[in-house]
Amino acid sequence: MTINHEKSCVKCGSDMIECYVDQGLKGLLVKNPSGEQLFKNKKNTRMNPFVCIKCGYAEWYADTPEDLI
């Protein structure tokens, strides 16, 4: 499952646009700490920011949150 790339701002209802971190990276990698145990599969997903084009409110969304389980 992937995230919906069309988001509406929860603060003002305007459109939100997907952005990226200004380090040349496309999103951030987040990990489930329980997936870090020796000889277990790593559990992670990418996080991407969405910013409201009207009020500037920002939220982060996981690409595949089910991969953290």
PDB file of N, CA and C in Angstrom:
ATOM      1  N   MET A   1       0.845  -1.180   0.000  1.00  0.00           N
ATOM      2  CA  MET A   1       0.000   0.000   0.000  1.00  0.00           C
ATOM      3  C   MET A   1       0.887   1.239   0.000  1.00  0.00           C
ATOM      4  N   THR A   2       0.570   2.213  -0.830  1.00  0.00           N
ATOM      5  CA  THR A   2       1.315   3.466  -0.840  1.00  0.00           C
ATOM      6  C   THR A   2       0.391   4.593  -0.443  1.00  0.00           C
ATOM      7  N   ILE A   3       0.997   5.699  -0.040  1.00  0.00           N
ATOM      8  CA  ILE A   3       0.193   6.830   0.418  1.00  0.00           C
ATOM      9  C   ILE A   3      -0.478   7.537  -0.747  1.00  0.00           C
ATOM     10  N   ASN A   4      -1.577   8.186  -0.443  1.00  0.00           N
ATOM     11  CA  ASN A   4      -2.272   9.026  -1.406  1.00  0.00           C
ATOM     12  C   ASN A   4      -1.478  10.320  -1.535  1.00  0.00           C
ATOM     13  N   HIS A   5      -1.078  10.667  -2.743  1.00  0.00           N
ATOM     14  CA  HIS A   5      -0.255  11.855  -2.946  1.00  0.00           C
ATOM     15  C   HIS A   5      -1.087  13.127  -3.072  1.00  0.00           C
ATOM     16  N   GLU A   6      -2.400  13.038  -2.908  1.00  0.00           N
ATOM     17  CA  GLU A   6      -3.264  14.220  -2.876  1.00  0.00           C
ATOM     18  C   GLU A   6      -3.791  14.357  -1.457  1.00  0.00           C
ATOM     19  N   LYS A   7      -3.372  15.412  -0.787  1.00  0.00           N
ATOM     20  CA  LYS A   7      -3.759  15.626   0.610  1.00  0.00           C
ATOM     21  C   LYS A   7      -4.461  16.964   0.748  1.00  0.00           C
ATOM     22  N   SER A   8      -5.353  17.047   1.731  1.00  0.00           N
ATOM     23  CA  SER A   8      -6.006  18.304   2.089  1.00  0.00           C
ATOM     24  C   SER A   8      -5.561  18.685   3.492  1.00  0.00           C
ATOM     25  N   CYS A   9      -5.332  19.962   3.712  1.00  0.00           N
ATOM     26  CA  CYS A   9      -4.885  20.477   4.998  1.00  0.00           C
ATOM     27  C   CYS A   9      -5.978  20.306   6.051  1.00  0.00           C
ATOM     28  N   VAL A  10      -5.606  19.763   7.215  1.00  0.00           N
ATOM     29  CA  VAL A  10      -6.574  19.596   8.298  1.00  0.00           C
ATOM     30  C   VAL A  10      -6.867  20.920   8.998  1.00  0.00           C
ATOM     31  N   LYS A  11      -6.043  21.927   8.790  1.00  0.00           N
ATOM     32  CA  LYS A  11      -6.225  23.238   9.429  1.00  0.00           C
ATOM     33  C   LYS A  11      -7.148  24.149   8.620  1.00  0.00           C
ATOM     34  N   CYS A  12      -6.927  24.220   7.287  1.00  0.00           N
ATOM     35  CA  CYS A  12      -7.699  25.175   6.485  1.00  0.00           C
ATOM     36  C   CYS A  12      -8.413  24.557   5.282  1.00  0.00           C
ATOM     37  N   GLY A  13      -8.159  23.272   4.993  1.00  0.00           N
ATOM     38  CA  GLY A  13      -8.840  22.593   3.899  1.00  0.00           C
ATOM     39  C   GLY A  13      -8.221  22.778   2.526  1.00  0.00           C
ATOM     40  N   SER A  14      -7.153  23.564   2.410  1.00  0.00           N
ATOM     41  CA  SER A  14      -6.497  23.785   1.115  1.00  0.00           C
ATOM     42  C   SER A  14      -5.669  22.569   0.710  1.00  0.00           C
ATOM     43  N   ASP A  15      -5.198  22.590  -0.537  1.00  0.00           N
ATOM     44  CA  ASP A  15      -4.361  21.498  -1.033  1.00  0.00           C
ATOM     45  C   ASP A  15      -2.997  21.510  -0.358  1.00  0.00           C
ATOM     46  N   MET A  16      -2.445  20.306  -0.207  1.00  0.00           N
ATOM     47  CA  MET A  16      -1.088  20.152   0.308  1.00  0.00           C
ATOM     48  C   MET A  16      -0.231  19.563  -0.801  1.00  0.00           C
ATOM     49  N   ILE A  17       1.050  19.944  -0.821  1.00  0.00           N
ATOM     50  CA  ILE A  17       1.962  19.404  -1.817  1.00  0.00           C
ATOM     51  C   ILE A  17       3.035  18.569  -1.123  1.00  0.00           C
ATOM     52  N   GLU A  18       3.453  17.493  -1.799  1.00  0.00           N
ATOM     53  CA  GLU A  18       4.521  16.657  -1.264  1.00  0.00           C
ATOM     54  C   GLU A  18       5.852  17.354  -1.493  1.00  0.00           C
ATOM     55  N   CYS A  19       6.683  17.380  -0.472  1.00  0.00           N
ATOM     56  CA  CYS A  19       7.990  18.034  -0.550  1.00  0.00           C
ATOM     57  C   CYS A  19       9.076  17.018  -0.230  1.00  0.00           C
ATOM     58  N   TYR A  20      10.312  17.487  -0.105  1.00  0.00           N
ATOM     59  CA  TYR A  20      11.407  16.612   0.289  1.00  0.00           C
ATOM     60  C   TYR A  20      12.377  17.381   1.166  1.00  0.00           C
ATOM     61  N   VAL A  21      13.210  16.652   1.877  1.00  0.00           N
ATOM     62  CA  VAL A  21      14.188  17.245   2.777  1.00  0.00           C
ATOM     63  C   VAL A  21      15.306  17.858   1.944  1.00  0.00           C
ATOM     64  N   ASP A  22      15.743  19.061   2.290  1.00  0.00           N
ATOM     65  CA  ASP A  22      16.760  19.772   1.509  1.00  0.00           C
ATOM     66  C   ASP A  22      18.169  19.266   1.815  1.00  0.00           C
ATOM     67  N   GLN A  23      18.387  18.018   1.546  1.00  0.00           N
ATOM     68  CA  GLN A  23      19.711  17.407   1.652  1.00  0.00           C
ATOM     69  C   GLN A  23      19.911  16.480   0.457  1.00  0.00           C
ATOM     70  N   GLY A  24      19.095  16.663  -0.578  1.00  0.00           N
ATOM     71  CA  GLY A  24      19.173  15.800  -1.732  1.00  0.00           C
ATOM     72  C   GLY A  24      18.500  14.450  -1.509  1.00  0.00           C
ATOM     73  N   LEU A  25      17.811  14.303  -0.390  1.00  0.00           N
ATOM     74  CA  LEU A  25      17.151  13.045  -0.069  1.00  0.00           C
ATOM     75  C   LEU A  25      15.673  13.121  -0.419  1.00  0.00           C
ATOM     76  N   LYS A  26      15.100  12.014  -0.766  1.00  0.00           N
ATOM     77  CA  LYS A  26      13.666  11.927  -1.001  1.00  0.00           C
ATOM     78  C   LYS A  26      13.042  11.277   0.215  1.00  0.00           C
ATOM     79  N   GLY A  27      12.625  12.095   1.176  1.00  0.00           N
ATOM     80  CA  GLY A  27      12.046  11.581   2.412  1.00  0.00           C
ATOM     81  C   GLY A  27      13.107  11.139   3.406  1.00  0.00           C
ATOM     82  N   LEU A  28      12.654  10.721   4.557  1.00  0.00           N
ATOM     83  CA  LEU A  28      13.522  10.209   5.616  1.00  0.00           C
ATOM     84  C   LEU A  28      13.179   8.757   5.865  1.00  0.00           C
ATOM     85  N   LEU A  29      14.166   8.000   6.299  1.00  0.00           N
ATOM     86  CA  LEU A  29      13.937   6.603   6.621  1.00  0.00           C
ATOM     87  C   LEU A  29      13.687   6.479   8.116  1.00  0.00           C
ATOM     88  N   VAL A  30      12.574   5.875   8.492  1.00  0.00           N
ATOM     89  CA  VAL A  30      12.282   5.628   9.907  1.00  0.00           C
ATOM     90  C   VAL A  30      12.230   4.121  10.130  1.00  0.00           C
ATOM     91  N   LYS A  31      12.613   3.715  11.342  1.00  0.00           N
ATOM     92  CA  LYS A  31      12.690   2.289  11.646  1.00  0.00           C
ATOM     93  C   LYS A  31      11.914   1.955  12.907  1.00  0.00           C
ATOM     94  N   ASN A  32      11.392   0.757  12.941  1.00  0.00           N
ATOM     95  CA  ASN A  32      10.756   0.209  14.132  1.00  0.00           C
ATOM     96  C   ASN A  32      11.881  -0.361  14.997  1.00  0.00           C
ATOM     97  N   PRO A  33      12.044   0.117  16.237  1.00  0.00           N
ATOM     98  CA  PRO A  33      13.140  -0.365  17.081  1.00  0.00           C
ATOM     99  C   PRO A  33      13.155  -1.880  17.269  1.00  0.00           C
ATOM    100  N   SER A  34      12.003  -2.523  17.278  1.00  0.00           N
ATOM    101  CA  SER A  34      11.980  -3.979  17.454  1.00  0.00           C
ATOM    102  C   SER A  34      12.527  -4.698  16.227  1.00  0.00           C
ATOM    103  N   GLY A  35      12.606  -4.014  15.103  1.00  0.00           N
ATOM    104  CA  GLY A  35      13.164  -4.601  13.886  1.00  0.00           C
ATOM    105  C   GLY A  35      14.675  -4.535  13.836  1.00  0.00           C
ATOM    106  N   GLU A  36      15.308  -3.982  14.865  1.00  0.00           N
ATOM    107  CA  GLU A  36      16.754  -3.823  14.898  1.00  0.00           C
ATOM    108  C   GLU A  36      17.465  -4.984  15.578  1.00  0.00           C
ATOM    109  N   GLN A  37      16.735  -5.988  16.028  1.00  0.00           N
ATOM    110  CA  GLN A  37      17.360  -7.103  16.729  1.00  0.00           C
ATOM    111  C   GLN A  37      18.219  -7.917  15.770  1.00  0.00           C
ATOM    112  N   LEU A  38      19.266  -8.499  16.311  1.00  0.00           N
ATOM    113  CA  LEU A  38      20.207  -9.285  15.526  1.00  0.00           C
ATOM    114  C   LEU A  38      19.491 -10.424  14.792  1.00  0.00           C
ATOM    115  N   PHE A  39      19.826 -10.598  13.531  1.00  0.00           N
ATOM    116  CA  PHE A  39      19.302 -11.661  12.677  1.00  0.00           C
ATOM    117  C   PHE A  39      17.802 -11.569  12.405  1.00  0.00           C
ATOM    118  N   LYS A  40      17.229 -10.401  12.565  1.00  0.00           N
ATOM    119  CA  LYS A  40      15.821 -10.203  12.205  1.00  0.00           C
ATOM    120  C   LYS A  40      15.766  -9.237  11.031  1.00  0.00           C
ATOM    121  N   ASN A  41      14.699  -9.315  10.276  1.00  0.00           N
ATOM    122  CA  ASN A  41      14.519  -8.377   9.169  1.00  0.00           C
ATOM    123  C   ASN A  41      14.385  -6.964   9.701  1.00  0.00           C
ATOM    124  N   LYS A  42      15.009  -6.033   9.030  1.00  0.00           N
ATOM    125  CA  LYS A  42      14.876  -4.618   9.393  1.00  0.00           C
ATOM    126  C   LYS A  42      13.478  -4.162   8.980  1.00  0.00           C
ATOM    127  N   LYS A  43      12.838  -3.397   9.841  1.00  0.00           N
ATOM    128  CA  LYS A  43      11.494  -2.895   9.569  1.00  0.00           C
ATOM    129  C   LYS A  43      11.587  -1.389   9.407  1.00  0.00           C
ATOM    130  N   ASN A  44      11.317  -0.903   8.190  1.00  0.00           N
ATOM    131  CA  ASN A  44      11.429   0.531   7.953  1.00  0.00           C
ATOM    132  C   ASN A  44      10.490   0.990   6.846  1.00  0.00           C
ATOM    133  N   THR A  45      10.336   2.299   6.746  1.00  0.00           N
ATOM    134  CA  THR A  45       9.551   2.928   5.690  1.00  0.00           C
ATOM    135  C   THR A  45      10.065   4.343   5.480  1.00  0.00           C
ATOM    136  N   ARG A  46       9.782   4.911   4.354  1.00  0.00           N
ATOM    137  CA  ARG A  46      10.159   6.298   4.078  1.00  0.00           C
ATOM    138  C   ARG A  46       9.066   7.233   4.574  1.00  0.00           C
ATOM    139  N   MET A  47       9.489   8.387   5.089  1.00  0.00           N
ATOM    140  CA  MET A  47       8.576   9.443   5.537  1.00  0.00           C
ATOM    141  C   MET A  47       8.747  10.634   4.601  1.00  0.00           C
ATOM    142  N   ASN A  48       7.636  11.196   4.146  1.00  0.00           N
ATOM    143  CA  ASN A  48       7.683  12.353   3.259  1.00  0.00           C
ATOM    144  C   ASN A  48       6.804  13.472   3.801  1.00  0.00           C
ATOM    145  N   PRO A  49       7.304  14.713   3.752  1.00  0.00           N
ATOM    146  CA  PRO A  49       6.518  15.846   4.251  1.00  0.00           C
ATOM    147  C   PRO A  49       5.542  16.358   3.197  1.00  0.00           C
ATOM    148  N   PHE A  50       4.384  16.792   3.674  1.00  0.00           N
ATOM    149  CA  PHE A  50       3.400  17.482   2.844  1.00  0.00           C
ATOM    150  C   PHE A  50       3.166  18.846   3.475  1.00  0.00           C
ATOM    151  N   VAL A  51       3.128  19.903   2.660  1.00  0.00           N
ATOM    152  CA  VAL A  51       2.990  21.272   3.159  1.00  0.00           C
ATOM    153  C   VAL A  51       1.772  21.922   2.510  1.00  0.00           C
ATOM    154  N   CYS A  52       0.947  22.601   3.328  1.00  0.00           N
ATOM    155  CA  CYS A  52      -0.226  23.313   2.829  1.00  0.00           C
ATOM    156  C   CYS A  52       0.222  24.527   2.022  1.00  0.00           C
ATOM    157  N   ILE A  53      -0.361  24.695   0.839  1.00  0.00           N
ATOM    158  CA  ILE A  53       0.030  25.813  -0.025  1.00  0.00           C
ATOM    159  C   ILE A  53      -0.583  27.139   0.412  1.00  0.00           C
ATOM    160  N   LYS A  54      -1.526  27.084   1.363  1.00  0.00           N
ATOM    161  CA  LYS A  54      -2.159  28.321   1.826  1.00  0.00           C
ATOM    162  C   LYS A  54      -1.641  28.772   3.193  1.00  0.00           C
ATOM    163  N   CYS A  55      -1.692  27.884   4.187  1.00  0.00           N
ATOM    164  CA  CYS A  55      -1.336  28.299   5.555  1.00  0.00           C
ATOM    165  C   CYS A  55       0.043  27.825   6.005  1.00  0.00           C
ATOM    166  N   GLY A  56       0.671  26.909   5.260  1.00  0.00           N
ATOM    167  CA  GLY A  56       2.009  26.445   5.604  1.00  0.00           C
ATOM    168  C   GLY A  56       2.068  25.290   6.579  1.00  0.00           C
ATOM    169  N   TYR A  57       0.917  24.808   7.022  1.00  0.00           N
ATOM    170  CA  TYR A  57       0.901  23.664   7.935  1.00  0.00           C
ATOM    171  C   TYR A  57       1.589  22.476   7.260  1.00  0.00           C
ATOM    172  N   ALA A  58       2.378  21.713   8.023  1.00  0.00           N
ATOM    173  CA  ALA A  58       3.107  20.572   7.463  1.00  0.00           C
ATOM    174  C   ALA A  58       2.819  19.303   8.255  1.00  0.00           C
ATOM    175  N   GLU A  59       2.748  18.185   7.547  1.00  0.00           N
ATOM    176  CA  GLU A  59       2.572  16.860   8.150  1.00  0.00           C
ATOM    177  C   GLU A  59       3.507  15.890   7.438  1.00  0.00           C
ATOM    178  N   TRP A  60       3.936  14.870   8.164  1.00  0.00           N
ATOM    179  CA  TRP A  60       4.761  13.809   7.595  1.00  0.00           C
ATOM    180  C   TRP A  60       3.914  12.553   7.462  1.00  0.00           C
ATOM    181  N   TYR A  61       4.069  11.836   6.348  1.00  0.00           N
ATOM    182  CA  TYR A  61       3.336  10.598   6.099  1.00  0.00           C
ATOM    183  C   TYR A  61       4.305   9.479   5.743  1.00  0.00           C
ATOM    184  N   ALA A  62       4.031   8.291   6.269  1.00  0.00           N
ATOM    185  CA  ALA A  62       4.819   7.105   5.945  1.00  0.00           C
ATOM    186  C   ALA A  62       4.343   6.544   4.609  1.00  0.00           C
ATOM    187  N   ASP A  63       5.300   6.177   3.741  1.00  0.00           N
ATOM    188  CA  ASP A  63       4.943   5.570   2.455  1.00  0.00           C
ATOM    189  C   ASP A  63       4.227   4.238   2.656  1.00  0.00           C
ATOM    190  N   THR A  64       4.803   3.380   3.473  1.00  0.00           N
ATOM    191  CA  THR A  64       4.240   2.052   3.710  1.00  0.00           C
ATOM    192  C   THR A  64       4.278   1.741   5.209  1.00  0.00           C
ATOM    193  N   PRO A  65       3.329   2.301   5.974  1.00  0.00           N
ATOM    194  CA  PRO A  65       3.347   2.099   7.424  1.00  0.00           C
ATOM    195  C   PRO A  65       3.220   0.630   7.830  1.00  0.00           C
ATOM    196  N   GLU A  66       2.575  -0.171   7.008  1.00  0.00           N
ATOM    197  CA  GLU A  66       2.426  -1.590   7.342  1.00  0.00           C
ATOM    198  C   GLU A  66       3.773  -2.314   7.360  1.00  0.00           C
ATOM    199  N   ASP A  67       4.793  -1.752   6.716  1.00  0.00           N
ATOM    200  CA  ASP A  67       6.124  -2.364   6.732  1.00  0.00           C
ATOM    201  C   ASP A  67       6.805  -2.256   8.095  1.00  0.00           C
ATOM    202  N   LEU A  68       6.279  -1.428   8.989  1.00  0.00           N
ATOM    203  CA  LEU A  68       6.865  -1.273  10.322  1.00  0.00           C
ATOM    204  C   LEU A  68       6.418  -2.367  11.294  1.00  0.00           C
ATOM    205  N   ILE A  69       5.409  -3.136  10.882  1.00  0.00           N
ATOM    206  CA  ILE A  69       4.852  -4.173  11.764  1.00  0.00           C
ATOM    207  C   ILE A  69       5.649  -5.459  11.624  1.00  0.00           C
TER     208      ILE A  69
END
